[in-house]
C-alpha cells in the first residue's frame, strides 16, 4: 500500500492570525476555538481548514527523515498559517528529554509528568481530525480542546499557573471605586458598584493574561492515511494509463508495419508484372 513513514510520530508548531485584531497567535494543539490573548476575541477555526492543512503536512512527512525539520506558510479561509514540522518523538518542552510515549497505550486520556516535573497532556486524536487524517491516533503536549481531565495513572502532577494569581486593583473611571481584576475578569467587564462598562487597558489585560508562546506538540500516526492511499491510487492510475498508452502505441506500430508490408508487396508485384510485360514485348 504505498510508502510507510520513516517514523511514527510528528511534531507541530502552528501560528495563525486573530480574526479581530489581526495579530499572530499560537495554535498549541488540535483546537477549533481560540481566545486571543491580545484582544480577548474568540476565534473559531474550521475543522476542514486546520485538518486539511495537517493532512497536507502529513504528505510531506512521507519524505522526511528522523530529526528533519520543515517550515511552511499557507493562506486559507482568510487566515495565514505558519507551521514547523519535525520528525521526532515527543520531547519535554523544558528539559528536552524524550518522553516515554511508547509506554502510553493509544486511547489514554490523562495528564502525566516528565522526570523533571514538567506536566504534559496526552489524549486521543479528536474525531474531527481523524476524519481528515485517519492515521492520527494520539496527541501529546498539546492544549486540550476541552476541560483538563484528572490523571488516572496515580502520578502527582504539578500545578502550574498560566498567569499571575494575585488580584490587580484599578479605579473605576465612573465612580472611582477600587475594582479587583483577576485572570477570571472578562476583557469587557462591568463595575459592580455603578454598572459602567469597562474595557480593560491592554497593559492590564496582558499582565493578567501573558501572551502564550508557541509550543511544539506531537501526534502519533498508525497505518496508511487517506493522503497515502490517494497517493498510491494516483500511482496505480498513472501506471494503468501508461500501460494503456503503451498498448495503444504497440497496436499503432503493428498497424503501420502491416501497412508498409502491404504496400511493399504491391510494389514488388507491380515490378514483377512490369518485368514480365517487358520481356513479353521483347520476345520474337
Protein backbone atom coordinates (compact mmCIF):
# COMPACT_ATOMS: atom_id res chain seq x y z
CA UNK A 1 0.00 0.00 0.00
CA UNK A 2 2.32 2.94 -0.56
CA UNK A 3 5.34 4.14 1.31
CA UNK A 4 5.23 3.98 5.11
CA UNK A 5 6.59 6.97 7.07
CA UNK A 6 10.12 6.58 8.43
CA UNK A 7 8.74 7.40 11.90
CA UNK A 8 5.51 7.04 13.87
CA UNK A 9 5.49 10.50 15.48
CA UNK A 10 5.45 14.08 14.20
CA UNK A 11 5.90 17.41 15.99
CA UNK A 12 3.95 20.54 15.02
CA UNK A 13 4.26 24.27 15.67
CA UNK A 14 1.28 26.29 14.44
CA UNK A 15 0.66 30.01 14.39
CA UNK A 16 -2.30 31.82 12.84
CA UNK A 17 -3.91 35.30 12.78
CA UNK A 18 -6.63 36.54 15.11
CA UNK A 19 -9.75 37.40 13.15
CA UNK A 20 -10.35 40.52 15.28
CA UNK A 21 -7.02 42.25 15.97
CA UNK A 22 -5.15 40.55 13.09
CA UNK A 23 -2.28 39.72 15.41
CA UNK A 24 -0.41 36.43 15.48
CA UNK A 25 -1.46 33.77 17.98
CA UNK A 26 -0.19 30.23 18.56
CA UNK A 27 -2.31 27.15 17.99
CA UNK A 28 -0.85 24.77 20.57
CA UNK A 29 -2.94 21.73 19.77
CA UNK A 30 -5.81 20.41 17.63
CA UNK A 31 -8.03 23.33 18.66
CA UNK A 32 -11.05 24.70 16.83
CA UNK A 33 -11.72 27.53 19.33
CA UNK A 34 -9.08 30.01 20.47
CA UNK A 35 -9.23 33.05 22.75
CA UNK A 36 -6.82 35.74 21.58
CA UNK A 37 -4.56 36.74 24.48
CA UNK A 38 -4.11 40.20 22.97
CA UNK A 39 -7.69 41.36 22.46
CA UNK A 40 -9.73 38.61 24.12
CA UNK A 41 -11.67 37.82 20.94
CA UNK A 42 -12.95 34.29 20.45
CA UNK A 43 -11.73 32.70 17.25
CA UNK A 44 -13.45 29.77 15.60
CA UNK A 45 -11.35 27.69 13.23
CA UNK A 46 -12.98 25.50 10.60
CA UNK A 47 -12.02 21.86 11.06
CA UNK A 48 -11.67 21.45 7.27
CA UNK A 49 -9.15 24.30 7.29
CA UNK A 50 -6.92 23.07 10.10
CA UNK A 51 -7.47 19.38 9.37
CA UNK A 52 -6.83 19.80 5.66
CA UNK A 53 -3.64 21.70 6.37
CA UNK A 54 -2.41 18.98 8.74
CA UNK A 55 -3.27 16.41 6.06
CA UNK A 56 -1.10 18.22 3.51
CA UNK A 57 1.71 18.34 6.06
CA UNK A 58 1.34 14.61 6.69
CA UNK A 59 2.02 14.02 3.00
CA UNK A 60 5.31 15.88 3.40
CA UNK A 61 6.11 13.54 6.31
CA UNK A 62 6.49 10.67 3.85
CA UNK A 63 9.81 12.01 2.62
CA UNK A 64 11.16 13.24 5.97
CA UNK A 65 13.95 11.56 7.89
CA UNK A 66 14.12 11.29 11.68
CA UNK A 67 15.11 14.66 13.17
CA UNK A 68 14.45 16.59 9.97
CA UNK A 69 12.58 19.91 10.28
CA UNK A 70 10.49 21.73 7.68
CA UNK A 71 8.79 25.14 7.64
CA UNK A 72 5.66 26.05 5.71
CA UNK A 73 3.35 29.03 5.19
CA UNK A 74 -0.17 28.86 3.83
CA UNK A 75 -3.19 31.12 3.44
CA UNK A 76 -6.67 29.68 3.74
CA UNK A 77 -10.15 30.75 4.88
CA UNK A 78 -8.91 34.34 5.32
CA UNK A 79 -6.20 33.14 7.72
CA UNK A 80 -2.48 32.94 7.40
CA UNK A 81 -0.84 29.85 8.79
CA UNK A 82 2.79 29.38 9.72
CA UNK A 83 3.97 25.96 10.67
CA UNK A 84 7.07 23.97 11.50
CA UNK A 85 7.06 20.19 11.49
CA UNK A 86 9.71 17.87 12.83
CA UNK A 87 10.09 14.11 12.50
CA UNK A 88 10.89 13.10 16.07
CA UNK A 89 9.37 11.50 19.14
CA UNK A 90 7.75 13.80 21.71
CA UNK A 91 10.22 15.72 23.87
CA UNK A 92 9.73 17.68 27.07
CA UNK A 93 9.46 21.38 26.38
CA UNK A 94 11.62 22.21 29.43
CA UNK A 95 14.44 19.66 29.71
CA UNK A 96 14.08 18.37 26.12
CA UNK A 97 14.25 14.76 27.31
CA UNK A 98 12.46 12.15 25.19
CA UNK A 99 9.15 11.21 26.80
CA UNK A 100 8.24 7.50 27.29
CA UNK A 101 5.29 7.73 24.91
CA UNK A 102 5.78 4.18 23.62
CA UNK A 103 4.65 3.04 27.06
CA UNK A 104 1.41 5.04 26.86
CA UNK A 105 -1.40 2.95 25.32
CA UNK A 106 -3.25 4.56 22.41
CA UNK A 107 -6.55 5.92 23.71
CA UNK A 108 -5.10 7.12 27.04
CA UNK A 109 -6.65 10.40 28.17
CA UNK A 110 -4.79 11.85 31.14
CA UNK A 111 -2.09 14.20 32.35
CA UNK A 112 1.41 12.94 33.13
CA UNK A 113 4.72 14.49 34.15
CA UNK A 114 8.24 14.37 32.76
CA UNK A 115 11.07 13.21 35.04
CA UNK A 116 11.92 16.89 35.53
CA UNK A 117 8.43 17.55 36.91
CA UNK A 118 7.02 19.37 33.89
CA UNK A 119 3.41 18.27 33.24
CA UNK A 120 2.24 17.21 29.81
CA UNK A 121 -1.02 16.02 28.33
CA UNK A 122 -1.84 13.01 26.20
CA UNK A 123 -5.23 12.24 24.71
CA UNK A 124 -6.72 10.51 21.64
CA UNK A 125 -6.87 12.44 18.39
CA UNK A 126 -10.27 14.16 18.20
CA UNK A 127 -12.87 12.66 15.86
CA UNK A 128 -12.92 15.72 13.58
CA UNK A 129 -9.18 15.37 12.99
CA UNK A 130 -9.42 11.64 12.26
CA UNK A 131 -11.96 12.45 9.56
CA UNK A 132 -9.23 14.43 7.77
CA UNK A 133 -6.25 12.37 8.90
CA UNK A 134 -7.36 8.87 9.79
CA UNK A 135 -3.82 7.73 10.62
CA UNK A 136 -3.63 10.13 13.60
CA UNK A 137 -4.34 8.23 16.83
CA UNK A 138 -2.81 10.06 19.82
CA UNK A 139 -1.82 13.63 20.77
CA UNK A 140 0.94 14.73 23.18
CA UNK A 141 1.97 18.02 24.87
CA UNK A 142 -0.98 19.86 23.32
CA UNK A 143 -3.62 22.17 24.76
CA UNK A 144 -6.85 20.26 25.14
CA UNK A 145 -9.97 21.18 23.18
CA UNK A 146 -11.96 20.93 26.45
CA UNK A 147 -11.52 20.96 30.25
CA UNK A 148 -8.48 19.14 31.62
CA UNK A 149 -9.09 15.62 32.83
CA UNK A 150 -7.54 14.34 36.02
CA UNK A 151 -4.74 11.83 35.82
CA UNK A 152 -5.62 8.14 36.11
CA UNK A 153 -2.02 6.96 36.44
CA UNK A 154 -1.66 7.92 40.10
CA UNK A 155 1.10 10.43 39.30
CA UNK A 156 1.27 13.70 41.19
CA UNK A 157 1.00 16.39 38.55
CA UNK A 158 2.49 19.80 39.46
CA UNK A 159 0.02 22.65 39.25
CA UNK A 160 1.29 25.46 37.09
CA UNK A 161 -0.29 28.85 36.62
CA UNK A 162 -0.81 30.41 33.22
CA UNK A 163 -0.61 33.90 34.71
CA UNK A 164 -0.41 35.88 37.92
CA UNK A 165 -2.72 34.69 40.68
CA UNK A 166 -2.87 37.88 42.74
CA UNK A 167 -5.59 40.42 42.08
CA UNK A 168 -4.81 43.76 40.47
CA UNK A 169 -6.69 46.80 41.73
CA UNK A 170 -7.76 49.61 39.43
CA UNK A 171 -10.07 52.61 39.88
CA UNK A 172 -13.42 52.67 38.13
CA UNK A 173 -13.47 55.61 35.66
CA UNK A 174 -17.13 56.19 36.56
CA UNK A 175 -17.34 56.09 40.37
CA UNK A 176 -13.64 55.79 41.31
CA UNK A 177 -14.35 52.65 43.31
CA UNK A 178 -11.48 50.20 43.70
CA UNK A 179 -12.03 47.18 41.45
CA UNK A 180 -10.19 43.92 41.76
CA UNK A 181 -9.21 42.37 38.44
CA UNK A 182 -8.11 38.74 38.20
CA UNK A 183 -7.41 36.26 35.43
CA UNK A 184 -11.13 35.43 35.52
CA UNK A 185 -12.14 39.02 34.69
CA UNK A 186 -13.56 39.38 31.17
CA UNK A 187 -11.94 41.75 28.70
CA UNK A 188 -15.20 43.74 28.65
CA UNK A 189 -16.36 43.93 32.29
CA UNK A 190 -18.82 45.96 34.35
CA UNK A 191 -18.23 47.93 37.54
CA UNK A 192 -20.03 46.11 40.39
CA UNK A 193 -20.83 49.46 42.02
CA UNK A 194 -22.05 51.81 39.28
CA UNK A 195 -22.58 49.34 36.43
CA UNK A 196 -20.46 51.23 33.91
CA UNK A 197 -18.96 49.06 31.17
CA UNK A 198 -15.18 48.79 31.30
CA UNK A 199 -12.66 47.91 28.66
CA UNK A 200 -9.55 46.64 30.37
CA UNK A 201 -6.46 48.59 29.23
CA UNK A 202 -4.13 46.46 27.05
CA UNK A 203 -1.32 46.75 29.62
CA UNK A 204 -3.54 45.41 32.40
CA UNK A 205 -5.02 42.68 30.20
CA UNK A 206 -1.57 41.44 29.21
CA UNK A 207 -0.44 41.44 32.83
CA UNK A 208 -3.39 39.23 33.73
CA UNK A 209 -3.10 37.19 30.54
CA UNK A 210 0.53 36.89 29.43
CA UNK A 211 0.87 36.14 25.73
CA UNK A 212 1.18 32.37 25.26
CA UNK A 213 4.27 31.15 23.50
CA UNK A 214 4.17 28.76 20.60
CA UNK A 215 4.99 25.23 21.72
CA UNK A 216 5.77 22.04 19.88
CA UNK A 217 3.02 19.44 20.19
CA UNK A 218 3.05 15.96 18.76
CA UNK A 219 0.88 13.33 17.14
CA UNK A 220 1.29 9.60 16.72
CA UNK A 221 0.43 8.06 13.35
CA UNK A 222 -0.53 4.47 12.61
CA UNK A 223 -1.11 2.85 9.26
CA UNK A 224 -1.55 4.46 5.84
CA UNK A 225 -3.50 7.72 5.91
CA UNK A 226 -6.03 8.97 3.37
CA UNK A 227 -3.27 11.04 1.79
CA UNK A 228 -1.06 7.97 1.45
CA UNK A 229 -3.96 5.95 0.00
CA UNK A 230 -4.74 8.71 -2.52
CA UNK A 231 -1.07 8.89 -3.43
CA UNK A 232 -0.99 5.13 -4.01
CA UNK A 233 -4.23 5.31 -6.03
CA UNK A 234 -2.75 8.09 -8.16
CA UNK A 235 0.37 5.99 -8.79
CA UNK A 236 -1.75 2.99 -9.75
CA UNK A 237 -3.85 5.15 -12.07
CA UNK A 238 -0.72 6.60 -13.70
CA UNK A 239 0.70 3.09 -14.14
CA UNK A 240 -2.56 1.88 -15.70
CA UNK A 241 -2.68 4.89 -18.04
CA UNK A 242 0.94 4.26 -19.03
CA UNK A 243 0.15 0.61 -19.75
CA UNK A 244 -2.87 1.58 -21.86
CA UNK A 245 -0.76 4.13 -23.73
CA UNK A 246 1.97 1.56 -24.39
CA UNK A 247 -0.60 -0.99 -25.63
CA UNK A 248 -2.09 1.61 -27.97
CA UNK A 249 1.35 2.55 -29.28
CA UNK A 250 2.18 -1.11 -29.91
CA UNK A 251 -1.07 -1.57 -31.85
CA UNK A 252 -0.43 1.56 -33.88
CA UNK A 253 3.14 0.42 -34.63
CA UNK A 254 1.88 -3.02 -35.69
CA UNK A 255 -0.74 -1.46 -37.93
CA UNK A 256 1.87 0.80 -39.55
CA UNK A 257 4.20 -2.17 -40.10
CA UNK A 258 1.44 -4.21 -41.71
CA UNK A 259 0.55 -1.25 -43.91
CA UNK A 260 4.15 -0.87 -45.06
CA UNK A 261 4.41 -4.62 -45.73
CA UNK A 262 1.20 -4.48 -47.78
CA UNK A 263 2.49 -1.58 -49.85
CA UNK A 264 5.83 -3.36 -50.28
CA UNK A 265 4.07 -6.50 -51.61
CA UNK A 266 2.01 -4.40 -54.02
CA UNK A 267 5.17 -2.64 -55.22
CA UNK A 268 7.00 -5.97 -55.75
CA UNK A 269 4.06 -7.39 -57.64
CA UNK A 270 3.86 -4.26 -59.82
CA UNK A 271 7.55 -4.51 -60.60
CA UNK A 272 7.20 -8.23 -61.43
CA UNK A 273 4.29 -7.53 -63.73
CA UNK A 274 6.25 -4.76 -65.44
CA UNK A 275 9.25 -7.06 -65.96
CA UNK A 276 7.08 -9.84 -67.38
CA UNK A 277 5.37 -7.43 -69.73
CA UNK A 278 8.67 -6.02 -70.87
CA UNK A 279 10.07 -9.47 -71.58
CA UNK A 280 6.90 -10.43 -73.49
CA UNK A 281 7.23 -7.37 -75.76
CA UNK A 282 10.90 -8.11 -76.37
CA UNK A 283 10.27 -11.77 -77.36
CA UNK A 284 10.29 -12.51 -81.22
